[in-house]
């Protein structure tokens, strides 16, 4: 399935389907990268851990000098929910740290929307250049919003 200038490796679809549909051995998060030739998206890392520290583990897997796309299966309880019901949202992350080179940032930015729409479909979208942009409370607030899906 091509997007603007690259294809998506079949493993990306397989891993995402497991996450999306909650299949057995489903990952909690998937981190994707564009290959060195800038023509294909590949699975970079898969996180299976659902322990309390999984979000910090996810953030620690984002490289400090390279852009990545990622999806995370976020389960949360809205603080103002009187029923304390657990909600589930798939969060799409576009990680582009300030330290990465200009060409990588440009390729990543040019293809982000196409990748998200073509491969992911509807999800909550969050961009970041610094890990503070992915603060869990901010992510939950955005995921809880009535206009969360874009």
N, C-alpha and C. Protein backbone atom coordinates (compact mmCIF):
# COMPACT_ATOMS: atom_id res chain seq x y z
N UNK A 1 0.84 -1.18 0.00
CA UNK A 1 0.00 0.00 0.00
C UNK A 1 0.89 1.25 0.00
N UNK A 2 1.05 1.92 -1.09
CA UNK A 2 1.94 3.08 -1.11
C UNK A 2 1.31 4.32 -0.52
N UNK A 3 2.13 5.16 0.05
CA UNK A 3 1.71 6.49 0.47
C UNK A 3 2.60 7.45 -0.29
N UNK A 4 2.84 8.61 0.21
CA UNK A 4 3.69 9.56 -0.47
C UNK A 4 5.13 9.08 -0.46
N UNK A 5 5.55 8.32 -1.45
CA UNK A 5 6.94 7.96 -1.60
C UNK A 5 7.40 6.71 -0.89
N UNK A 6 6.58 6.00 -0.14
CA UNK A 6 7.06 4.78 0.48
C UNK A 6 5.95 3.75 0.61
N UNK A 7 6.35 2.51 0.89
CA UNK A 7 5.41 1.43 1.10
C UNK A 7 5.44 1.04 2.57
N UNK A 8 4.45 0.29 2.96
CA UNK A 8 4.35 -0.17 4.35
C UNK A 8 4.57 -1.67 4.37
N UNK A 9 5.58 -2.11 5.08
CA UNK A 9 5.90 -3.53 5.16
C UNK A 9 4.72 -4.31 5.75
N UNK A 10 4.52 -5.51 5.26
CA UNK A 10 3.39 -6.35 5.69
C UNK A 10 3.36 -6.58 7.20
N UNK A 11 4.52 -6.68 7.83
CA UNK A 11 4.60 -6.89 9.28
C UNK A 11 3.94 -5.73 10.05
N UNK A 12 4.00 -4.53 9.49
CA UNK A 12 3.35 -3.37 10.13
C UNK A 12 1.85 -3.61 10.24
N UNK A 13 1.25 -4.09 9.14
CA UNK A 13 -0.18 -4.38 9.14
C UNK A 13 -0.52 -5.50 10.11
N UNK A 14 0.29 -6.56 10.09
CA UNK A 14 0.03 -7.70 10.97
C UNK A 14 0.06 -7.30 12.44
N UNK A 15 1.10 -6.57 12.83
CA UNK A 15 1.23 -6.15 14.22
C UNK A 15 0.10 -5.20 14.61
N UNK A 16 -0.23 -4.27 13.71
CA UNK A 16 -1.29 -3.32 14.02
C UNK A 16 -2.64 -4.03 14.18
N UNK A 17 -2.93 -4.99 13.32
CA UNK A 17 -4.19 -5.73 13.44
C UNK A 17 -4.28 -6.44 14.78
N UNK A 18 -3.18 -7.01 15.24
CA UNK A 18 -3.18 -7.65 16.57
C UNK A 18 -3.52 -6.64 17.65
N UNK A 19 -2.89 -5.46 17.57
CA UNK A 19 -3.13 -4.42 18.57
C UNK A 19 -4.58 -3.92 18.49
N UNK A 20 -5.01 -3.60 17.30
CA UNK A 20 -6.34 -3.01 17.11
C UNK A 20 -7.48 -3.93 17.55
N UNK A 21 -7.34 -5.20 17.22
CA UNK A 21 -8.43 -6.15 17.50
C UNK A 21 -8.22 -6.92 18.79
N UNK A 22 -7.18 -6.58 19.55
CA UNK A 22 -6.95 -7.22 20.84
C UNK A 22 -6.72 -8.71 20.73
N UNK A 23 -6.07 -9.14 19.66
CA UNK A 23 -5.82 -10.56 19.46
C UNK A 23 -4.87 -11.09 20.52
N UNK A 24 -4.88 -12.42 20.66
CA UNK A 24 -3.95 -13.07 21.58
C UNK A 24 -2.54 -12.66 21.15
N UNK A 25 -1.67 -12.47 22.07
CA UNK A 25 -0.30 -11.99 21.88
C UNK A 25 -0.26 -10.60 21.24
N UNK A 26 -1.29 -9.79 21.52
CA UNK A 26 -1.35 -8.42 20.99
C UNK A 26 -0.31 -7.54 21.66
N UNK A 27 0.37 -6.71 20.87
CA UNK A 27 1.31 -5.77 21.48
C UNK A 27 0.57 -4.63 22.18
N UNK A 28 1.22 -4.02 23.13
CA UNK A 28 0.68 -2.83 23.80
C UNK A 28 1.03 -1.59 22.99
N UNK A 29 2.19 -1.62 22.34
CA UNK A 29 2.59 -0.52 21.47
C UNK A 29 3.48 -1.05 20.35
N UNK A 30 3.52 -0.28 19.26
CA UNK A 30 4.38 -0.60 18.12
C UNK A 30 5.09 0.69 17.71
N UNK A 31 6.38 0.59 17.51
CA UNK A 31 7.16 1.73 17.03
C UNK A 31 7.62 1.40 15.61
N UNK A 32 7.38 2.33 14.71
CA UNK A 32 7.72 2.15 13.30
C UNK A 32 8.83 3.11 12.90
N UNK A 33 9.61 2.71 11.90
CA UNK A 33 10.63 3.61 11.37
C UNK A 33 10.61 3.55 9.85
N UNK A 34 11.11 4.61 9.23
CA UNK A 34 11.30 4.61 7.79
C UNK A 34 12.72 4.08 7.55
N UNK A 35 12.87 3.17 6.61
CA UNK A 35 14.19 2.58 6.37
C UNK A 35 15.19 3.62 5.85
N UNK A 36 16.44 3.22 5.76
CA UNK A 36 17.52 4.14 5.37
C UNK A 36 17.36 4.65 3.94
N UNK A 37 16.69 3.89 3.10
CA UNK A 37 16.46 4.32 1.72
C UNK A 37 15.27 5.27 1.60
N UNK A 38 14.57 5.47 2.70
CA UNK A 38 13.39 6.35 2.76
C UNK A 38 12.28 5.91 1.81
N UNK A 39 12.12 4.57 1.66
CA UNK A 39 11.07 4.10 0.76
C UNK A 39 10.13 3.07 1.38
N UNK A 40 10.34 2.75 2.66
CA UNK A 40 9.46 1.76 3.29
C UNK A 40 9.39 1.99 4.80
N UNK A 41 8.19 1.78 5.35
CA UNK A 41 8.00 1.81 6.80
C UNK A 41 8.11 0.39 7.33
N UNK A 42 8.89 0.22 8.38
CA UNK A 42 9.14 -1.08 8.99
C UNK A 42 8.78 -1.03 10.48
N UNK A 43 8.52 -2.20 11.05
CA UNK A 43 8.36 -2.28 12.50
C UNK A 43 9.75 -2.16 13.11
N UNK A 44 9.90 -1.24 14.04
CA UNK A 44 11.17 -1.04 14.73
C UNK A 44 11.18 -1.81 16.05
N UNK A 45 10.12 -1.64 16.85
CA UNK A 45 10.02 -2.31 18.14
C UNK A 45 8.57 -2.61 18.45
N UNK A 46 8.37 -3.67 19.21
CA UNK A 46 7.02 -4.05 19.67
C UNK A 46 7.09 -4.22 21.17
N UNK A 47 6.17 -3.59 21.89
CA UNK A 47 6.12 -3.70 23.34
C UNK A 47 4.95 -4.55 23.77
N UNK A 48 5.23 -5.59 24.50
CA UNK A 48 4.19 -6.52 24.94
C UNK A 48 3.78 -6.31 26.40
N UNK A 49 4.60 -5.58 27.14
CA UNK A 49 4.42 -5.44 28.58
C UNK A 49 3.22 -4.56 28.91
N UNK A 50 2.31 -5.07 29.73
CA UNK A 50 1.15 -4.30 30.15
C UNK A 50 1.23 -3.91 31.62
N UNK A 51 2.40 -3.98 32.19
CA UNK A 51 2.56 -3.63 33.60
C UNK A 51 2.35 -2.13 33.79
N UNK A 52 2.35 -1.69 35.02
CA UNK A 52 2.12 -0.28 35.32
C UNK A 52 3.12 0.65 34.65
N UNK A 53 4.33 0.18 34.37
CA UNK A 53 5.35 1.04 33.79
C UNK A 53 5.45 0.98 32.28
N UNK A 54 4.43 0.43 31.62
CA UNK A 54 4.54 0.25 30.16
C UNK A 54 4.67 1.58 29.42
N UNK A 55 4.03 2.65 29.92
CA UNK A 55 4.09 3.92 29.20
C UNK A 55 5.51 4.50 29.26
N UNK A 56 6.14 4.43 30.40
CA UNK A 56 7.52 4.91 30.53
C UNK A 56 8.45 4.06 29.67
N UNK A 57 8.19 2.76 29.63
CA UNK A 57 8.99 1.87 28.78
C UNK A 57 8.83 2.27 27.31
N UNK A 58 7.61 2.53 26.89
CA UNK A 58 7.34 2.98 25.52
C UNK A 58 8.14 4.25 25.20
N UNK A 59 8.05 5.25 26.07
CA UNK A 59 8.77 6.51 25.83
C UNK A 59 10.28 6.30 25.77
N UNK A 60 10.79 5.40 26.58
CA UNK A 60 12.24 5.17 26.59
C UNK A 60 12.73 4.50 25.31
N UNK A 61 11.83 3.92 24.54
CA UNK A 61 12.20 3.26 23.28
C UNK A 61 12.29 4.25 22.11
N UNK A 62 11.82 5.46 22.30
CA UNK A 62 11.90 6.46 21.22
C UNK A 62 13.32 7.00 21.16
N UNK A 63 13.98 6.87 20.01
CA UNK A 63 15.37 7.34 19.91
C UNK A 63 15.49 8.85 20.04
N UNK A 64 16.57 9.30 20.60
CA UNK A 64 16.77 10.73 20.85
C UNK A 64 17.12 11.52 19.60
N UNK A 65 17.59 10.84 18.54
CA UNK A 65 18.05 11.56 17.36
C UNK A 65 17.42 11.08 16.05
N UNK A 66 16.35 10.29 16.13
CA UNK A 66 15.71 9.79 14.91
C UNK A 66 14.20 9.86 15.05
N UNK A 67 13.51 10.22 13.97
CA UNK A 67 12.05 10.27 14.03
C UNK A 67 11.44 8.87 14.00
N UNK A 68 10.27 8.76 14.53
CA UNK A 68 9.53 7.49 14.51
C UNK A 68 8.03 7.79 14.46
N UNK A 69 7.29 6.81 13.98
CA UNK A 69 5.84 6.77 14.15
C UNK A 69 5.60 5.69 15.19
N UNK A 70 4.50 5.79 15.92
CA UNK A 70 4.18 4.76 16.90
C UNK A 70 2.68 4.73 17.12
N UNK A 71 2.20 3.58 17.53
CA UNK A 71 0.81 3.45 17.99
C UNK A 71 0.85 2.78 19.35
N UNK A 72 -0.07 3.20 20.19
CA UNK A 72 -0.15 2.69 21.55
C UNK A 72 -1.61 2.44 21.88
N UNK A 73 -1.87 1.28 22.45
CA UNK A 73 -3.21 0.94 22.90
C UNK A 73 -3.34 1.45 24.33
N UNK A 74 -4.00 2.61 24.48
CA UNK A 74 -4.10 3.27 25.77
C UNK A 74 -5.43 2.95 26.44
N UNK A 75 -5.35 2.42 27.64
CA UNK A 75 -6.53 2.21 28.46
C UNK A 75 -6.45 3.19 29.61
N UNK A 76 -7.56 3.87 29.88
CA UNK A 76 -7.55 4.91 30.92
C UNK A 76 -8.95 5.08 31.48
N UNK A 77 -9.00 5.71 32.64
CA UNK A 77 -10.27 6.07 33.27
C UNK A 77 -10.29 7.58 33.35
N UNK A 78 -11.33 8.19 32.80
CA UNK A 78 -11.46 9.64 32.87
C UNK A 78 -11.66 10.06 34.33
N UNK A 79 -10.97 11.09 34.74
CA UNK A 79 -11.04 11.53 36.13
C UNK A 79 -12.44 12.00 36.52
N UNK A 80 -13.23 12.48 35.56
CA UNK A 80 -14.57 12.98 35.87
C UNK A 80 -15.67 11.95 35.58
N UNK A 81 -15.29 10.69 35.36
CA UNK A 81 -16.28 9.64 35.07
C UNK A 81 -16.79 9.06 36.39
N UNK A 82 -18.06 9.31 36.73
CA UNK A 82 -18.59 8.80 37.99
C UNK A 82 -18.66 7.27 38.05
N UNK A 83 -18.72 6.62 36.88
CA UNK A 83 -18.80 5.16 36.84
C UNK A 83 -17.43 4.49 36.83
N UNK A 84 -16.36 5.28 36.71
CA UNK A 84 -15.00 4.74 36.67
C UNK A 84 -14.82 3.68 35.58
N UNK A 85 -15.40 3.93 34.43
CA UNK A 85 -15.30 2.98 33.33
C UNK A 85 -13.96 3.15 32.60
N UNK A 86 -13.37 2.02 32.27
CA UNK A 86 -12.12 2.05 31.53
C UNK A 86 -12.42 2.29 30.05
N UNK A 87 -11.74 3.27 29.48
CA UNK A 87 -11.85 3.60 28.06
C UNK A 87 -10.61 3.07 27.35
N UNK A 88 -10.74 2.87 26.05
CA UNK A 88 -9.62 2.39 25.25
C UNK A 88 -9.53 3.22 23.98
N UNK A 89 -8.35 3.75 23.70
CA UNK A 89 -8.11 4.52 22.48
C UNK A 89 -6.77 4.10 21.91
N UNK A 90 -6.71 4.08 20.59
CA UNK A 90 -5.44 3.87 19.93
C UNK A 90 -4.85 5.25 19.66
N UNK A 91 -3.64 5.46 20.14
CA UNK A 91 -2.97 6.75 20.01
C UNK A 91 -1.89 6.62 18.93
N UNK A 92 -1.90 7.54 17.98
CA UNK A 92 -0.86 7.60 16.95
C UNK A 92 0.12 8.70 17.33
N UNK A 93 1.38 8.35 17.42
CA UNK A 93 2.43 9.30 17.78
C UNK A 93 3.32 9.59 16.57
N UNK A 94 3.61 10.84 16.37
CA UNK A 94 4.60 11.26 15.38
C UNK A 94 5.75 11.90 16.16
N UNK A 95 6.84 11.16 16.28
CA UNK A 95 7.99 11.58 17.07
C UNK A 95 9.07 12.13 16.14
N UNK A 96 9.42 13.38 16.31
CA UNK A 96 10.44 14.01 15.48
C UNK A 96 11.28 14.94 16.36
N UNK A 97 12.27 14.36 17.06
CA UNK A 97 13.05 15.16 18.00
C UNK A 97 13.87 16.24 17.28
N UNK A 98 14.11 17.31 17.99
CA UNK A 98 14.89 18.42 17.44
C UNK A 98 16.29 17.99 17.01
N UNK A 99 16.83 16.96 17.64
CA UNK A 99 18.20 16.52 17.38
C UNK A 99 18.37 15.75 16.08
N UNK A 100 17.28 15.33 15.42
CA UNK A 100 17.46 14.52 14.21
C UNK A 100 17.81 15.41 13.01
N UNK A 101 18.41 14.79 11.99
CA UNK A 101 18.87 15.57 10.84
C UNK A 101 17.70 16.08 10.01
N UNK A 102 17.95 17.09 9.24
CA UNK A 102 16.91 17.79 8.50
C UNK A 102 16.22 16.88 7.48
N UNK A 103 16.99 16.08 6.75
CA UNK A 103 16.38 15.19 5.74
C UNK A 103 15.41 14.20 6.39
N UNK A 104 15.82 13.61 7.49
CA UNK A 104 14.94 12.65 8.18
C UNK A 104 13.67 13.33 8.67
N UNK A 105 13.82 14.54 9.22
CA UNK A 105 12.64 15.28 9.70
C UNK A 105 11.68 15.58 8.55
N UNK A 106 12.23 15.98 7.40
CA UNK A 106 11.39 16.32 6.24
C UNK A 106 10.66 15.09 5.71
N UNK A 107 11.38 13.98 5.53
CA UNK A 107 10.75 12.75 5.04
C UNK A 107 9.66 12.30 6.01
N UNK A 108 9.96 12.34 7.27
CA UNK A 108 9.01 11.93 8.30
C UNK A 108 7.77 12.82 8.28
N UNK A 109 7.96 14.12 8.22
CA UNK A 109 6.83 15.06 8.22
C UNK A 109 5.98 14.94 6.96
N UNK A 110 6.63 14.80 5.82
CA UNK A 110 5.90 14.70 4.56
C UNK A 110 5.01 13.46 4.49
N UNK A 111 5.43 12.40 5.15
CA UNK A 111 4.71 11.14 5.07
C UNK A 111 3.82 10.83 6.26
N UNK A 112 3.89 11.63 7.29
CA UNK A 112 3.16 11.35 8.53
C UNK A 112 1.65 11.26 8.31
N UNK A 113 1.07 12.24 7.66
CA UNK A 113 -0.38 12.25 7.46
C UNK A 113 -0.84 11.09 6.59
N UNK A 114 -0.12 10.82 5.52
CA UNK A 114 -0.47 9.70 4.65
C UNK A 114 -0.39 8.37 5.37
N UNK A 115 0.65 8.18 6.16
CA UNK A 115 0.81 6.94 6.92
C UNK A 115 -0.33 6.78 7.92
N UNK A 116 -0.60 7.83 8.63
CA UNK A 116 -1.65 7.79 9.66
C UNK A 116 -3.01 7.48 9.05
N UNK A 117 -3.36 8.16 7.99
CA UNK A 117 -4.68 7.99 7.38
C UNK A 117 -4.82 6.65 6.66
N UNK A 118 -3.79 6.27 5.93
CA UNK A 118 -3.85 5.06 5.14
C UNK A 118 -3.76 3.80 5.99
N UNK A 119 -2.84 3.83 6.91
CA UNK A 119 -2.55 2.63 7.68
C UNK A 119 -3.35 2.56 8.96
N UNK A 120 -3.45 3.64 9.66
CA UNK A 120 -4.07 3.64 10.97
C UNK A 120 -5.56 3.93 10.92
N UNK A 121 -5.97 4.85 10.06
CA UNK A 121 -7.37 5.25 10.05
C UNK A 121 -7.63 6.22 11.18
N UNK A 122 -8.77 6.10 11.81
CA UNK A 122 -9.13 7.01 12.90
C UNK A 122 -8.38 6.65 14.17
N UNK A 123 -7.77 7.65 14.75
CA UNK A 123 -7.08 7.49 16.03
C UNK A 123 -6.79 8.87 16.58
N UNK A 124 -6.35 8.92 17.80
CA UNK A 124 -5.92 10.18 18.38
C UNK A 124 -4.49 10.42 17.90
N UNK A 125 -4.20 11.60 17.42
CA UNK A 125 -2.90 11.92 16.86
C UNK A 125 -2.17 12.91 17.76
N UNK A 126 -0.93 12.56 18.11
CA UNK A 126 -0.11 13.43 18.95
C UNK A 126 1.27 13.55 18.33
N UNK A 127 1.74 14.78 18.17
CA UNK A 127 3.07 15.04 17.64
C UNK A 127 3.97 15.50 18.77
N UNK A 128 5.25 15.17 18.65
CA UNK A 128 6.18 15.62 19.67
C UNK A 128 7.60 15.72 19.18
N UNK A 129 8.32 16.69 19.73
CA UNK A 129 9.75 16.86 19.47
C UNK A 129 10.53 16.69 20.77
N UNK A 130 9.80 16.61 21.87
CA UNK A 130 10.38 16.46 23.19
C UNK A 130 9.47 15.50 23.96
N UNK A 131 10.03 14.67 24.83
CA UNK A 131 9.21 13.70 25.55
C UNK A 131 8.12 14.35 26.39
N UNK A 132 8.32 15.59 26.81
CA UNK A 132 7.28 16.28 27.59
C UNK A 132 6.00 16.48 26.76
N UNK A 133 6.12 16.45 25.43
CA UNK A 133 4.95 16.56 24.57
C UNK A 133 4.05 15.33 24.70
N UNK A 134 4.61 14.23 25.22
CA UNK A 134 3.87 12.99 25.37
C UNK A 134 3.53 12.69 26.83
N UNK A 135 3.46 13.72 27.65
CA UNK A 135 3.08 13.56 29.05
C UNK A 135 1.76 12.79 29.12
N UNK A 136 1.72 11.76 29.93
CA UNK A 136 0.55 10.87 29.98
C UNK A 136 -0.74 11.61 30.30
N UNK A 137 -0.69 12.56 31.21
CA UNK A 137 -1.91 13.31 31.54
C UNK A 137 -2.43 14.11 30.34
N UNK A 138 -1.52 14.70 29.56
CA UNK A 138 -1.91 15.43 28.35
C UNK A 138 -2.52 14.48 27.32
N UNK A 139 -1.92 13.31 27.19
CA UNK A 139 -2.41 12.31 26.22
C UNK A 139 -3.81 11.85 26.61
N UNK A 140 -4.01 11.56 27.89
CA UNK A 140 -5.33 11.12 28.36
C UNK A 140 -6.36 12.23 28.16
N UNK A 141 -5.98 13.47 28.43
CA UNK A 141 -6.90 14.59 28.23
C UNK A 141 -7.33 14.68 26.77
N UNK A 142 -6.37 14.56 25.86
CA UNK A 142 -6.72 14.61 24.44
C UNK A 142 -7.56 13.41 24.03
N UNK A 143 -7.22 12.24 24.52
CA UNK A 143 -7.97 11.02 24.19
C UNK A 143 -9.38 11.07 24.74
N UNK A 144 -9.59 11.80 25.83
CA UNK A 144 -10.90 11.90 26.47
C UNK A 144 -11.81 12.94 25.81
N UNK A 145 -11.22 13.79 25.01
CA UNK A 145 -11.97 14.88 24.39
C UNK A 145 -12.99 14.34 23.38
N UNK A 146 -14.16 14.99 23.28
CA UNK A 146 -15.16 14.54 22.29
C UNK A 146 -14.65 14.65 20.85
N UNK A 147 -13.66 15.49 20.62
CA UNK A 147 -13.11 15.65 19.27
C UNK A 147 -11.76 14.97 19.16
N UNK A 148 -11.56 13.89 19.93
CA UNK A 148 -10.25 13.23 20.00
C UNK A 148 -9.81 12.65 18.68
N UNK A 149 -10.71 12.11 17.88
CA UNK A 149 -10.30 11.49 16.63
C UNK A 149 -10.28 12.55 15.54
N UNK A 150 -9.17 12.55 14.80
CA UNK A 150 -9.08 13.52 13.68
C UNK A 150 -8.76 12.84 12.39
